[in-house]
């Protein structure tokens, strides 16, 4: 971690650092097809979770906050698993991904940030599962930014229509920066991440999770259903 950025990354020394360096920059683009392992409507109908309890919590959230017939955006995806979930629940899905994605899945629209900027729009709902905790850490080739996660949350506000909702999942536990793998959100960083949002519901979450160690670890990622408290 650059020393010049340490103050920002650690919230002035309040968030401890655990070392775990990863480089997941992949050359070339991605290819998504109806035969992809992670495009599996059958598993979703049976409510099978590839991502442990987080997926089960997401199914509960989508049952209580339906997206059928709505426009939904996902920002950043390695695989089309969450696109498949949203589509199976009846949403019209667009993914914004900075890497080039060759997508042949019918009805799934994938664009780069540059393409989206040329034709911007707003959505009824957005979905971010196990993604924002990586923003600004450089693990996936993104620029280093101590507040990359906070800026990503602000971006979602700009993507949503008035009254829109965000399905958000991040690791929760004792506050930690696992450099450069991910952040864990506890009593210090989680309130900052959710500042300016109203929590409509939280699935598979309880307050004691924010104090659970060991440092740098987490059991699961609960799903928060949020709506902007203030418009940008």
Protein backbone atom coordinates (compact mmCIF):
# COMPACT_ATOMS: atom_id res chain seq x y z
CA UNK A 1 0.00 0.00 0.00
CA UNK A 2 1.43 3.42 -0.89
CA UNK A 3 2.26 5.24 2.33
CA UNK A 4 0.72 8.41 0.91
CA UNK A 5 -2.67 6.66 0.78
CA UNK A 6 -2.53 4.76 4.07
CA UNK A 7 -4.26 7.49 6.10
CA UNK A 8 -7.22 7.41 3.73
CA UNK A 9 -7.43 3.63 3.46
CA UNK A 10 -7.35 3.18 7.24
CA UNK A 11 -9.70 6.08 8.09
CA UNK A 12 -6.91 7.87 9.89
CA UNK A 13 -5.60 4.71 11.52
CA UNK A 14 -8.98 3.49 12.81
CA UNK A 15 -9.16 0.49 10.47
CA UNK A 16 -6.42 -2.13 10.90
CA UNK A 17 -4.65 -3.67 7.91
CA UNK A 18 -4.27 -7.38 7.21
CA UNK A 19 -1.89 -8.37 4.42
CA UNK A 20 -3.23 -10.53 1.59
CA UNK A 21 -2.05 -9.38 -1.82
CA UNK A 22 -3.87 -10.65 -4.92
CA UNK A 23 -3.57 -9.85 -8.61
CA UNK A 24 -6.72 -10.79 -10.51
CA UNK A 25 -6.06 -8.70 -13.60
CA UNK A 26 -6.98 -10.87 -16.58
CA UNK A 27 -5.86 -10.15 -20.10
CA UNK A 28 -8.50 -10.13 -22.80
CA UNK A 29 -12.23 -10.09 -22.34
CA UNK A 30 -14.98 -12.31 -21.02
CA UNK A 31 -17.37 -14.58 -22.87
CA UNK A 32 -20.87 -15.25 -21.60
CA UNK A 33 -23.12 -17.78 -23.35
CA UNK A 34 -26.32 -19.65 -22.43
CA UNK A 35 -24.05 -22.66 -21.80
CA UNK A 36 -21.87 -20.81 -19.27
CA UNK A 37 -21.56 -22.56 -15.89
CA UNK A 38 -22.88 -19.46 -14.14
CA UNK A 39 -25.96 -19.07 -16.36
CA UNK A 40 -28.22 -21.69 -14.80
CA UNK A 41 -31.91 -20.76 -14.44
CA UNK A 42 -32.72 -24.25 -13.19
CA UNK A 43 -30.58 -23.84 -10.08
CA UNK A 44 -32.19 -20.48 -9.38
CA UNK A 45 -35.70 -21.96 -9.61
CA UNK A 46 -34.60 -24.50 -7.00
CA UNK A 47 -33.03 -21.62 -5.00
CA UNK A 48 -29.60 -23.18 -5.05
CA UNK A 49 -26.86 -20.81 -3.90
CA UNK A 50 -23.45 -20.76 -5.57
CA UNK A 51 -22.29 -18.10 -3.10
CA UNK A 52 -23.39 -19.70 0.13
CA UNK A 53 -25.88 -18.00 2.43
CA UNK A 54 -25.57 -14.72 0.53
CA UNK A 55 -27.50 -16.10 -2.42
CA UNK A 56 -30.20 -17.49 -0.14
CA UNK A 57 -30.51 -14.06 1.48
CA UNK A 58 -30.77 -12.48 -1.97
CA UNK A 59 -33.59 -14.83 -2.94
CA UNK A 60 -35.45 -13.73 0.20
CA UNK A 61 -34.84 -10.08 -0.63
CA UNK A 62 -36.12 -10.48 -4.19
CA UNK A 63 -39.20 -12.34 -2.94
CA UNK A 64 -40.06 -9.38 -0.71
CA UNK A 65 -38.93 -6.62 -3.11
CA UNK A 66 -39.93 -7.87 -6.58
CA UNK A 67 -38.09 -6.72 -9.70
CA UNK A 68 -40.38 -8.34 -12.26
CA UNK A 69 -40.96 -5.99 -15.18
CA UNK A 70 -38.37 -3.53 -13.88
CA UNK A 71 -35.13 -2.23 -15.35
CA UNK A 72 -32.16 -3.42 -13.27
CA UNK A 73 -28.45 -2.60 -13.55
CA UNK A 74 -25.44 -4.56 -12.32
CA UNK A 75 -22.04 -2.85 -12.27
CA UNK A 76 -19.03 -5.12 -12.66
CA UNK A 77 -19.35 -8.88 -13.14
CA UNK A 78 -16.86 -11.70 -13.58
CA UNK A 79 -19.65 -14.17 -14.40
CA UNK A 80 -23.34 -13.82 -15.31
CA UNK A 81 -24.65 -15.58 -12.17
CA UNK A 82 -26.36 -12.55 -10.64
CA UNK A 83 -27.56 -11.46 -14.06
CA UNK A 84 -29.21 -14.88 -14.30
CA UNK A 85 -30.85 -14.46 -10.89
CA UNK A 86 -32.22 -11.02 -11.77
CA UNK A 87 -33.47 -12.21 -15.16
CA UNK A 88 -35.11 -15.27 -13.63
CA UNK A 89 -36.92 -12.95 -11.23
CA UNK A 90 -38.30 -11.08 -14.23
CA UNK A 91 -36.05 -8.01 -14.51
CA UNK A 92 -34.68 -6.54 -17.72
CA UNK A 93 -30.95 -6.58 -16.97
CA UNK A 94 -28.07 -4.39 -18.10
CA UNK A 95 -24.50 -4.98 -16.93
CA UNK A 96 -21.87 -2.26 -17.01
CA UNK A 97 -18.42 -3.89 -17.14
CA UNK A 98 -15.09 -2.20 -17.91
CA UNK A 99 -13.69 -5.34 -19.55
CA UNK A 100 -15.03 -6.34 -22.94
CA UNK A 101 -17.71 -9.00 -22.65
CA UNK A 102 -18.83 -11.05 -25.63
CA UNK A 103 -22.37 -11.91 -24.56
CA UNK A 104 -24.69 -14.19 -26.55
CA UNK A 105 -27.27 -14.66 -23.80
CA UNK A 106 -30.64 -13.52 -25.18
CA UNK A 107 -32.07 -10.45 -23.49
CA UNK A 108 -28.93 -9.64 -21.47
CA UNK A 109 -27.37 -6.29 -22.36
CA UNK A 110 -23.70 -5.70 -21.50
CA UNK A 111 -21.97 -2.36 -22.08
CA UNK A 112 -18.70 -0.70 -21.15
CA UNK A 113 -18.69 2.48 -19.02
CA UNK A 114 -17.80 4.44 -22.17
CA UNK A 115 -20.75 3.00 -24.06
CA UNK A 116 -23.07 3.73 -21.16
CA UNK A 117 -21.80 7.31 -20.85
CA UNK A 118 -22.74 7.87 -24.49
CA UNK A 119 -26.32 6.74 -23.80
CA UNK A 120 -26.97 7.13 -20.05
CA UNK A 121 -30.20 6.08 -18.39
CA UNK A 122 -31.64 5.44 -14.95
CA UNK A 123 -32.97 2.22 -13.49
CA UNK A 124 -35.66 0.96 -11.14
CA UNK A 125 -33.19 -1.22 -9.27
CA UNK A 126 -29.51 -2.05 -8.99
CA UNK A 127 -27.67 -5.06 -7.65
CA UNK A 128 -24.16 -5.31 -6.21
CA UNK A 129 -23.10 -8.58 -4.60
CA UNK A 130 -19.55 -8.95 -3.25
CA UNK A 131 -18.18 -6.20 -5.46
CA UNK A 132 -17.98 -2.81 -3.78
CA UNK A 133 -15.56 -4.03 -1.10
CA UNK A 134 -12.92 -4.37 -3.84
CA UNK A 135 -13.34 -0.93 -5.41
CA UNK A 136 -10.22 1.21 -5.27
CA UNK A 137 -7.86 -1.55 -4.12
CA UNK A 138 -6.28 -2.31 -7.49
CA UNK A 139 -6.88 -6.05 -7.28
CA UNK A 140 -8.77 -6.09 -10.56
CA UNK A 141 -6.73 -3.41 -12.30
CA UNK A 142 -8.76 -0.46 -11.02
CA UNK A 143 -7.09 2.75 -9.91
CA UNK A 144 -6.05 3.00 -6.26
CA UNK A 145 -8.60 5.06 -4.33
CA UNK A 146 -9.11 4.88 -0.55
CA UNK A 147 -12.74 5.92 -1.05
CA UNK A 148 -13.41 3.80 -4.13
CA UNK A 149 -16.22 2.00 -2.34
CA UNK A 150 -17.84 5.26 -1.20
CA UNK A 151 -17.66 6.66 -4.73
CA UNK A 152 -19.23 3.47 -6.08
CA UNK A 153 -22.19 3.95 -3.74
CA UNK A 154 -22.58 7.52 -5.00
CA UNK A 155 -22.54 6.19 -8.58
CA UNK A 156 -25.42 3.86 -7.77
CA UNK A 157 -27.47 6.84 -6.56
CA UNK A 158 -26.98 8.48 -9.93
CA UNK A 159 -28.05 5.30 -11.71
CA UNK A 160 -31.32 4.92 -9.83
CA UNK A 161 -34.64 6.53 -10.56
CA UNK A 162 -36.48 8.31 -7.76
CA UNK A 163 -37.63 5.59 -5.39
CA UNK A 164 -35.21 3.06 -6.88
CA UNK A 165 -33.66 0.34 -4.72
CA UNK A 166 -30.20 -1.18 -4.40
CA UNK A 167 -29.60 -4.78 -3.36
CA UNK A 168 -26.19 -4.64 -1.71
CA UNK A 169 -24.00 -7.32 -0.17
CA UNK A 170 -20.57 -6.72 1.39
CA UNK A 171 -18.50 -8.61 4.00
CA UNK A 172 -19.34 -7.60 7.57
CA UNK A 173 -17.32 -8.22 10.72
CA UNK A 174 -14.61 -6.40 12.60
CA UNK A 175 -13.46 -3.41 10.55
CA UNK A 176 -10.43 -4.38 8.47
CA UNK A 177 -8.67 -3.63 5.22
CA UNK A 178 -7.36 -6.91 3.84
CA UNK A 179 -4.82 -5.42 1.47
CA UNK A 180 -5.46 -5.67 -1.40
CA UNK A 181 -8.08 -8.41 -1.41
CA UNK A 182 -11.11 -6.70 0.12
CA UNK A 183 -12.56 -4.60 2.91
CA UNK A 184 -14.53 -5.94 5.87
CA UNK A 185 -17.19 -3.54 7.13
CA UNK A 186 -17.73 -3.07 10.84
CA UNK A 187 -18.93 -0.32 13.14
CA UNK A 188 -16.64 2.30 11.60
CA UNK A 189 -16.75 1.70 7.84
CA UNK A 190 -20.26 0.30 7.39
CA UNK A 191 -22.07 3.47 8.56
CA UNK A 192 -19.92 5.50 6.21
CA UNK A 193 -20.68 3.16 3.31
CA UNK A 194 -24.42 3.42 3.95
CA UNK A 195 -24.46 7.17 4.62
CA UNK A 196 -27.18 8.85 2.57
CA UNK A 197 -29.11 5.59 2.15
CA UNK A 198 -32.21 4.36 3.93
CA UNK A 199 -32.19 0.68 4.90
CA UNK A 200 -35.49 -0.90 3.88
CA UNK A 201 -34.50 -4.40 4.99
CA UNK A 202 -31.49 -6.53 5.85
CA UNK A 203 -31.40 -10.27 5.20
CA UNK A 204 -29.20 -12.70 7.16
CA UNK A 205 -27.85 -9.80 9.20
CA UNK A 206 -27.69 -9.17 12.92
CA UNK A 207 -25.88 -6.43 14.76
CA UNK A 208 -23.48 -8.74 16.61
CA UNK A 209 -21.88 -9.66 13.27
CA UNK A 210 -20.13 -6.28 13.32
CA UNK A 211 -18.05 -7.36 16.32
CA UNK A 212 -17.22 -10.87 15.16
CA UNK A 213 -13.60 -11.82 14.44
CA UNK A 214 -10.99 -12.92 13.80
CA UNK A 215 -9.68 -9.77 12.18
CA UNK A 216 -9.94 -9.80 8.39
CA UNK A 217 -12.39 -12.71 8.26
CA UNK A 218 -16.14 -12.87 7.77
CA UNK A 219 -18.74 -15.63 7.88
CA UNK A 220 -21.00 -14.38 5.13
CA UNK A 221 -22.24 -11.31 3.35
CA UNK A 222 -25.76 -10.22 4.32
CA UNK A 223 -28.00 -8.53 1.77
CA UNK A 224 -29.19 -4.98 2.43
CA UNK A 225 -32.10 -3.46 0.53
CA UNK A 226 -31.47 0.27 0.26
CA UNK A 227 -33.03 3.36 -1.25
CA UNK A 228 -31.38 6.80 -1.50
CA UNK A 229 -32.24 9.06 1.41
CA UNK A 230 -31.11 12.09 -0.58
CA UNK A 231 -31.01 12.68 -4.31
CA UNK A 232 -27.75 13.75 -5.97
